[in-house]
C-alpha atoms as a PDB file:
ATOM      1  CA  MET A   1     140.541 151.669 125.017  1.00  0.00           C
ATOM      2  CA  VAL A   2     137.764 151.597 122.303  1.00  0.00           C
ATOM      3  CA  LYS A   3     134.581 149.736 123.715  1.00  0.00           C
ATOM      4  CA  LEU A   4     134.103 146.094 122.462  1.00  0.00           C
ATOM      5  CA  ILE A   5     130.607 146.770 120.753  1.00  0.00           C
ATOM      6  CA  THR A   6     132.132 149.552 118.829  1.00  0.00           C
ATOM      7  CA  LEU A   7     135.038 147.354 117.705  1.00  0.00           C
ATOM      8  CA  ILE A   8     132.585 144.653 116.661  1.00  0.00           C
ATOM      9  CA  SER A   9     130.616 147.197 114.542  1.00  0.00           C
ATOM     10  CA  ALA A  10     133.837 148.519 113.004  1.00  0.00           C
ATOM     11  CA  LEU A  11     135.020 145.091 112.070  1.00  0.00           C
ATOM     12  CA  ALA A  12     131.727 144.122 110.563  1.00  0.00           C
ATOM     13  CA  GLY A  13     131.717 147.305 108.541  1.00  0.00           C
ATOM     14  CA  MET A  14     135.150 146.696 107.190  1.00  0.00           C
ATOM     15  CA  SER A  15     133.916 143.490 105.442  1.00  0.00           C
ATOM     16  CA  THR A  16     130.332 144.184 104.671  1.00  0.00           C
ATOM     17  CA  ALA A  17     129.453 148.001 104.418  1.00  0.00           C
ATOM     18  CA  VAL A  18     128.512 149.468 101.246  1.00  0.00           C
ATOM     19  CA  LEU A  19     130.553 152.734 101.069  1.00  0.00           C
ATOM     20  CA  ALA A  20     128.351 155.992 101.218  1.00  0.00           C
ATOM     21  CA  ALA A  21     128.745 159.021  98.909  1.00  0.00           C
ATOM     22  CA  PRO A  22     131.962 161.019 100.081  1.00  0.00           C
ATOM     23  CA  THR A  23     131.546 164.203 101.848  1.00  0.00           C
ATOM     24  CA  SER A  24     135.280 165.031 101.617  1.00  0.00           C
ATOM     25  CA  GLY A  25     138.487 163.443 100.887  1.00  0.00           C
ATOM     26  CA  VAL A  26     141.083 161.929 103.078  1.00  0.00           C
ATOM     27  CA  THR A  27     144.939 161.636 102.055  1.00  0.00           C
ATOM     28  CA  ILE A  28     146.898 158.656 103.230  1.00  0.00           C
ATOM     29  CA  THR A  29     150.651 159.212 102.839  1.00  0.00           C
ATOM     30  CA  VAL A  30     152.617 156.049 102.321  1.00  0.00           C
ATOM     31  CA  LYS A  31     156.435 156.215 103.072  1.00  0.00           C
ATOM     32  CA  ASN A  32     158.961 153.865 101.973  1.00  0.00           C
ATOM     33  CA  SER A  33     161.716 153.785 104.640  1.00  0.00           C
ATOM     34  CA  CYS A  34     162.994 150.524 103.370  1.00  0.00           C
ATOM     35  CA  SER A  35     166.459 150.233 101.863  1.00  0.00           C
ATOM     36  CA  ASN A  36     164.847 148.924  98.595  1.00  0.00           C
ATOM     37  CA  SER A  37     161.972 150.035  96.282  1.00  0.00           C
ATOM     38  CA  ILE A  38     158.665 148.555  97.025  1.00  0.00           C
ATOM     39  CA  GLN A  39     155.461 148.004  95.218  1.00  0.00           C
ATOM     40  CA  VAL A  40     152.541 149.634  97.166  1.00  0.00           C
ATOM     41  CA  ASN A  41     149.053 148.006  96.753  1.00  0.00           C
ATOM     42  CA  GLN A  42     145.688 149.568  97.686  1.00  0.00           C
ATOM     43  CA  LEU A  43     142.468 147.455  97.693  1.00  0.00           C
ATOM     44  CA  THR A  44     139.012 148.895  98.489  1.00  0.00           C
ATOM     45  CA  ASN A  45     136.661 146.707 100.292  1.00  0.00           C
ATOM     46  CA  ASN A  46     134.054 144.882  98.046  1.00  0.00           C
ATOM     47  CA  VAL A  47     136.205 145.780  94.940  1.00  0.00           C
ATOM     48  CA  GLY A  48     138.103 143.008  93.356  1.00  0.00           C
ATOM     49  CA  ASP A  49     140.959 144.729  91.538  1.00  0.00           C
ATOM     50  CA  SER A  50     143.845 146.503  93.523  1.00  0.00           C
ATOM     51  CA  LYS A  51     145.786 149.486  92.436  1.00  0.00           C
ATOM     52  CA  SER A  52     149.558 149.523  92.594  1.00  0.00           C
ATOM     53  CA  THR A  53     152.482 151.813  92.220  1.00  0.00           C
ATOM     54  CA  THR A  54     156.404 151.402  92.550  1.00  0.00           C
ATOM     55  CA  LEU A  55     157.853 153.590  95.407  1.00  0.00           C
ATOM     56  CA  ALA A  56     161.640 154.279  95.492  1.00  0.00           C
ATOM     57  CA  ALA A  57     163.564 153.857  98.733  1.00  0.00           C
ATOM     58  CA  GLY A  58     163.236 156.934 100.785  1.00  0.00           C
ATOM     59  CA  SER A  59     160.289 158.400  99.027  1.00  0.00           C
ATOM     60  CA  SER A  60     156.726 158.679  99.693  1.00  0.00           C
ATOM     61  CA  THR A  61     153.310 158.919  97.714  1.00  0.00           C
ATOM     62  CA  SER A  62     149.801 160.025  98.466  1.00  0.00           C
ATOM     63  CA  ILE A  63     146.732 157.999  98.240  1.00  0.00           C
ATOM     64  CA  ASN A  64     143.580 160.161  98.051  1.00  0.00           C
ATOM     65  CA  VAL A  65     140.347 158.161  99.218  1.00  0.00           C
ATOM     66  CA  ASP A  66     136.750 159.207 100.115  1.00  0.00           C
ATOM     67  CA  SER A  67     135.995 160.097 103.679  1.00  0.00           C
ATOM     68  CA  THR A  68     134.033 156.846 104.113  1.00  0.00           C
ATOM     69  CA  TRP A  69     136.598 154.608 102.375  1.00  0.00           C
ATOM     70  CA  GLY A  70     137.335 151.150 103.719  1.00  0.00           C
ATOM     71  CA  GLY A  71     140.213 149.053 102.499  1.00  0.00           C
ATOM     72  CA  ARG A  72     143.795 147.979 102.902  1.00  0.00           C
ATOM     73  CA  ILE A  73     147.235 148.979 101.879  1.00  0.00           C
ATOM     74  CA  TRP A  74     150.237 146.694 101.683  1.00  0.00           C
ATOM     75  CA  ALA A  75     153.679 146.706 100.023  1.00  0.00           C
ATOM     76  CA  ARG A  76     156.237 144.063  98.759  1.00  0.00           C
ATOM     77  CA  GLU A  77     160.032 144.279  97.718  1.00  0.00           C
ATOM     78  CA  GLY A  78     161.563 142.909  94.740  1.00  0.00           C
ATOM     79  CA  CYS A  79     158.473 142.785  92.519  1.00  0.00           C
ATOM     80  CA  SER A  80     158.064 146.222  90.800  1.00  0.00           C
ATOM     81  CA  GLY A  81     155.242 146.118  88.345  1.00  0.00           C
ATOM     82  CA  SER A  82     154.562 142.412  88.963  1.00  0.00           C
ATOM     83  CA  SER A  83     150.877 141.343  89.437  1.00  0.00           C
ATOM     84  CA  ASP A  84     152.135 138.584  91.654  1.00  0.00           C
ATOM     85  CA  CYS A  85     152.662 141.304  94.296  1.00  0.00           C
ATOM     86  CA  GLN A  86     149.034 142.335  94.264  1.00  0.00           C
ATOM     87  CA  SER A  87     148.036 139.434  96.508  1.00  0.00           C
ATOM     88  CA  SER A  88     147.730 140.564 100.142  1.00  0.00           C
ATOM     89  CA  GLY A  89     148.522 137.203 101.544  1.00  0.00           C
ATOM     90  CA  ALA A  90     151.593 136.957 103.790  1.00  0.00           C
ATOM     91  CA  ALA A  91     152.036 140.768 103.700  1.00  0.00           C
ATOM     92  CA  SER A  92     151.915 143.497 106.516  1.00  0.00           C
ATOM     93  CA  LEU A  93     148.499 145.205 106.080  1.00  0.00           C
ATOM     94  CA  ALA A  94     147.232 148.650 107.027  1.00  0.00           C
ATOM     95  CA  GLU A  95     143.430 148.391 107.285  1.00  0.00           C
ATOM     96  CA  PHE A  96     141.148 151.419 107.357  1.00  0.00           C
ATOM     97  CA  LEU A  97     137.431 152.040 107.904  1.00  0.00           C
ATOM     98  CA  LEU A  98     136.786 155.637 107.823  1.00  0.00           C
ATOM     99  CA  SER A  99     133.797 157.438 109.306  1.00  0.00           C
ATOM    100  CA  GLY A 100     132.724 154.173 110.810  1.00  0.00           C
ATOM    101  CA  ALA A 101     130.755 153.617 114.012  1.00  0.00           C
ATOM    102  CA  SER A 102     130.126 156.863 115.888  1.00  0.00           C
ATOM    103  CA  GLY A 103     131.573 158.817 113.102  1.00  0.00           C
ATOM    104  CA  LYS A 104     135.178 157.757 113.966  1.00  0.00           C
ATOM    105  CA  ASP A 105     137.880 156.397 111.872  1.00  0.00           C
ATOM    106  CA  TYR A 106     139.003 152.958 112.617  1.00  0.00           C
ATOM    107  CA  TYR A 107     142.406 151.454 111.671  1.00  0.00           C
ATOM    108  CA  ASP A 108     144.785 148.635 112.552  1.00  0.00           C
ATOM    109  CA  VAL A 109     147.899 146.754 111.398  1.00  0.00           C
ATOM    110  CA  SER A 110     147.004 143.266 110.461  1.00  0.00           C
ATOM    111  CA  PHE A 111     149.175 140.024 110.506  1.00  0.00           C
ATOM    112  CA  VAL A 112     146.190 137.949 110.403  1.00  0.00           C
ATOM    113  CA  ASP A 113     147.216 136.461 106.971  1.00  0.00           C
ATOM    114  CA  GLY A 114     150.975 136.936 107.524  1.00  0.00           C
ATOM    115  CA  PHE A 115     153.660 139.578 107.430  1.00  0.00           C
ATOM    116  CA  ASN A 116     156.737 140.699 105.398  1.00  0.00           C
ATOM    117  CA  LEU A 117     157.658 144.281 106.162  1.00  0.00           C
ATOM    118  CA  PRO A 118     157.838 146.387 109.287  1.00  0.00           C
ATOM    119  CA  ILE A 119     154.910 148.850 109.345  1.00  0.00           C
ATOM    120  CA  SER A 120     153.214 151.637 111.159  1.00  0.00           C
ATOM    121  CA  ILE A 121     150.032 153.828 110.953  1.00  0.00           C
ATOM    122  CA  ALA A 122     149.993 157.299 112.351  1.00  0.00           C
ATOM    123  CA  PRO A 123     147.095 159.862 112.313  1.00  0.00           C
ATOM    124  CA  ASN A 124     148.345 163.150 110.988  1.00  0.00           C
ATOM    125  CA  SER A 125     146.091 165.048 113.617  1.00  0.00           C
ATOM    126  CA  GLY A 126     144.626 164.288 117.003  1.00  0.00           C
ATOM    127  CA  THR A 127     146.301 163.546 120.416  1.00  0.00           C
ATOM    128  CA  ALA A 128     147.422 159.993 120.964  1.00  0.00           C
ATOM    129  CA  ASN A 129     145.863 158.313 123.964  1.00  0.00           C
ATOM    130  CA  GLY A 130     146.217 154.560 124.106  1.00  0.00           C
ATOM    131  CA  TYR A 131     143.955 153.179 121.474  1.00  0.00           C
ATOM    132  CA  ASP A 132     142.386 156.613 120.783  1.00  0.00           C
ATOM    133  CA  CYS A 133     144.454 158.236 117.637  1.00  0.00           C
ATOM    134  CA  GLY A 134     147.201 155.923 118.702  1.00  0.00           C
ATOM    135  CA  VAL A 135     150.097 154.640 116.442  1.00  0.00           C
ATOM    136  CA  PRO A 136     149.968 150.734 115.860  1.00  0.00           C
ATOM    137  CA  ALA A 137     153.214 149.517 114.765  1.00  0.00           C
ATOM    138  CA  CYS A 138     155.656 146.559 114.290  1.00  0.00           C
ATOM    139  CA  ASN A 139     159.062 148.019 113.867  1.00  0.00           C
ATOM    140  CA  ALA A 140     161.015 144.785 114.221  1.00  0.00           C
ATOM    141  CA  LEU A 141     159.481 141.570 112.726  1.00  0.00           C
ATOM    142  CA  PRO A 142     159.194 138.424 114.663  1.00  0.00           C
ATOM    143  CA  SER A 143     161.194 135.447 113.628  1.00  0.00           C
ATOM    144  CA  CYS A 144     159.292 133.136 111.209  1.00  0.00           C
ATOM    145  CA  PRO A 145     159.097 129.280 111.644  1.00  0.00           C
ATOM    146  CA  SER A 146     160.427 127.398 108.644  1.00  0.00           C
ATOM    147  CA  GLU A 147     156.951 125.780 108.075  1.00  0.00           C
ATOM    148  CA  LEU A 148     155.488 129.265 107.636  1.00  0.00           C
ATOM    149  CA  GLN A 149     157.968 130.847 105.288  1.00  0.00           C
ATOM    150  CA  GLU A 150     156.654 132.103 101.982  1.00  0.00           C
ATOM    151  CA  LYS A 151     159.476 131.805  99.363  1.00  0.00           C
ATOM    152  CA  ASP A 152     159.919 133.117  95.795  1.00  0.00           C
ATOM    153  CA  ALA A 153     161.136 131.056  92.742  1.00  0.00           C
ATOM    154  CA  SER A 154     164.718 131.408  93.862  1.00  0.00           C
ATOM    155  CA  GLY A 155     164.049 130.200  97.302  1.00  0.00           C
ATOM    156  CA  ASN A 156     164.407 133.544  99.057  1.00  0.00           C
ATOM    157  CA  VAL A 157     162.156 134.252 101.999  1.00  0.00           C
ATOM    158  CA  ILE A 158     159.669 136.890 100.990  1.00  0.00           C
ATOM    159  CA  GLY A 159     156.981 136.637 103.827  1.00  0.00           C
ATOM    160  CA  CYS A 160     155.723 134.765 106.719  1.00  0.00           C
ATOM    161  CA  LYS A 161     152.295 133.168 106.564  1.00  0.00           C
ATOM    162  CA  SER A 162     149.967 133.124 109.618  1.00  0.00           C
ATOM    163  CA  ALA A 163     148.849 129.787 110.980  1.00  0.00           C
ATOM    164  CA  CYS A 164     145.384 130.246 109.141  1.00  0.00           C
ATOM    165  CA  ALA A 165     147.016 130.982 105.873  1.00  0.00           C
ATOM    166  CA  ALA A 166     149.376 127.918 106.170  1.00  0.00           C
ATOM    167  CA  TYR A 167     146.937 125.297 107.486  1.00  0.00           C
ATOM    168  CA  GLY A 168     143.483 126.718 106.763  1.00  0.00           C
ATOM    169  CA  THR A 169     141.928 124.967 109.751  1.00  0.00           C
ATOM    170  CA  ASP A 170     138.757 126.386 111.429  1.00  0.00           C
ATOM    171  CA  GLU A 171     140.676 126.567 114.720  1.00  0.00           C
ATOM    172  CA  TYR A 172     143.338 128.801 113.197  1.00  0.00           C
ATOM    173  CA  CYS A 173     140.997 130.713 110.917  1.00  0.00           C
ATOM    174  CA  CYS A 174     138.032 131.243 113.475  1.00  0.00           C
ATOM    175  CA  THR A 175     135.713 129.580 111.078  1.00  0.00           C
ATOM    176  CA  GLY A 176     133.172 126.699 111.188  1.00  0.00           C
ATOM    177  CA  ALA A 177     132.805 125.452 114.722  1.00  0.00           C
ATOM    178  CA  TYR A 178     135.207 128.209 116.067  1.00  0.00           C
ATOM    179  CA  ALA A 179     133.481 131.031 114.217  1.00  0.00           C
ATOM    180  CA  GLY A 180     132.055 132.359 117.339  1.00  0.00           C
ATOM    181  CA  ARG A 181     133.931 135.177 119.213  1.00  0.00           C
ATOM    182  CA  GLY A 182     134.030 133.131 122.363  1.00  0.00           C
ATOM    183  CA  ASP A 183     134.987 129.977 120.500  1.00  0.00           C
ATOM    184  CA  CYS A 184     138.196 131.221 118.770  1.00  0.00           C
ATOM    185  CA  GLY A 185     141.203 132.307 120.765  1.00  0.00           C
ATOM    186  CA  THR A 186     144.891 132.765 120.057  1.00  0.00           C
ATOM    187  CA  ASN A 187     147.416 130.026 119.083  1.00  0.00           C
ATOM    188  CA  SER A 188     151.054 129.358 119.566  1.00  0.00           C
ATOM    189  CA  PHE A 189     151.959 131.018 116.314  1.00  0.00           C
ATOM    190  CA  ALA A 190     149.871 134.111 116.903  1.00  0.00           C
ATOM    191  CA  THR A 191     151.145 134.436 120.601  1.00  0.00           C
ATOM    192  CA  ALA A 192     154.651 134.444 119.435  1.00  0.00           C
ATOM    193  CA  VAL A 193     153.985 137.318 117.011  1.00  0.00           C
ATOM    194  CA  LYS A 194     152.079 139.245 119.663  1.00  0.00           C
ATOM    195  CA  ALA A 195     155.005 138.840 122.106  1.00  0.00           C
ATOM    196  CA  VAL A 196     157.166 140.996 119.692  1.00  0.00           C
ATOM    197  CA  CYS A 197     154.451 143.139 118.231  1.00  0.00           C
ATOM    198  CA  PRO A 198     151.839 143.581 120.929  1.00  0.00           C
ATOM    199  CA  ASN A 199     149.479 145.936 119.042  1.00  0.00           C
ATOM    200  CA  VAL A 200     148.983 144.182 115.776  1.00  0.00           C
ATOM    201  CA  TYR A 201     146.211 141.834 114.736  1.00  0.00           C
ATOM    202  CA  THR A 202     147.455 138.300 115.106  1.00  0.00           C
ATOM    203  CA  TYR A 203     144.194 136.307 114.591  1.00  0.00           C
ATOM    204  CA  ALA A 204     140.701 137.058 113.529  1.00  0.00           C
ATOM    205  CA  HIS A 205     139.354 137.984 117.070  1.00  0.00           C
ATOM    206  CA  ASP A 206     142.266 139.830 118.163  1.00  0.00           C
ATOM    207  CA  ASP A 207     140.519 143.355 118.176  1.00  0.00           C
ATOM    208  CA  SER A 208     140.688 144.210 121.845  1.00  0.00           C
ATOM    209  CA  THR A 209     144.220 144.898 121.745  1.00  0.00           C
ATOM    210  CA  SER A 210     144.601 145.797 118.039  1.00  0.00           C
ATOM    211  CA  MET A 211     142.007 148.121 116.799  1.00  0.00           C
ATOM    212  CA  TYR A 212     142.543 151.812 117.006  1.00  0.00           C
ATOM    213  CA  ALA A 213     139.915 154.795 116.546  1.00  0.00           C
ATOM    214  CA  CYS A 214     140.407 158.445 115.879  1.00  0.00           C
ATOM    215  CA  SER A 215     137.752 161.140 115.578  1.00  0.00           C
ATOM    216  CA  PRO A 216     138.296 161.668 111.783  1.00  0.00           C
ATOM    217  CA  ALA A 217     141.876 162.710 111.357  1.00  0.00           C
ATOM    218  CA  SER A 218     143.100 165.182 108.637  1.00  0.00           C
ATOM    219  CA  GLY A 219     144.972 162.183 107.066  1.00  0.00           C
ATOM    220  CA  TYR A 220     147.134 159.264 107.951  1.00  0.00           C
ATOM    221  CA  THR A 221     150.623 158.084 107.315  1.00  0.00           C
ATOM    222  CA  VAL A 222     151.460 154.524 106.801  1.00  0.00           C
ATOM    223  CA  THR A 223     155.262 153.780 106.978  1.00  0.00           C
ATOM    224  CA  PHE A 224     156.872 150.597 105.668  1.00  0.00           C
ATOM    225  CA  CYS A 225     160.344 149.668 107.421  1.00  0.00           C
END
């Protein structure tokens, strides 16, 4: 398991680091194993606009990023070309910080804001050993309480919000009086998700069982569904 101090450094870097000049590129392959087409979105940390592309069922696409890239990738069904799909709220996220602390790549599957599709991240090289070059995944989504369901204009459920996204309280979001690492713990909603998908992020300080690291891999594959 990655040491906690390394995890903390990696998490801080994902939100605050200024990306250095690239030394080489990394290819992230995104596969659509869903039965419908999806809109794949990519957002670089500290950059306001996301990039998106439509991916047909059963197909894949390559995203080429700098070797020091940090950002997130998510997807949505039923909204090809729609700017509404460019929000990462209530979506299953693949998060990356490449060439982070100790020169390792850090990556995770995050449901901190919510989830919508089964997802996995796999390094294309390296030998998996627990959290070292392992494969975080949620292949069967947890059930979503009615109060957390995100619906489209027709009333169809398109995602499940986290307790933080739904209620915005300090206790659920690990902010304010609960901002300290020792002050914010899991909650009933996060615990229910963790029981089904034990290696995904369920709340902001869930890194000890959710953050993966790999000595720089040749690339990564993100699979939806």
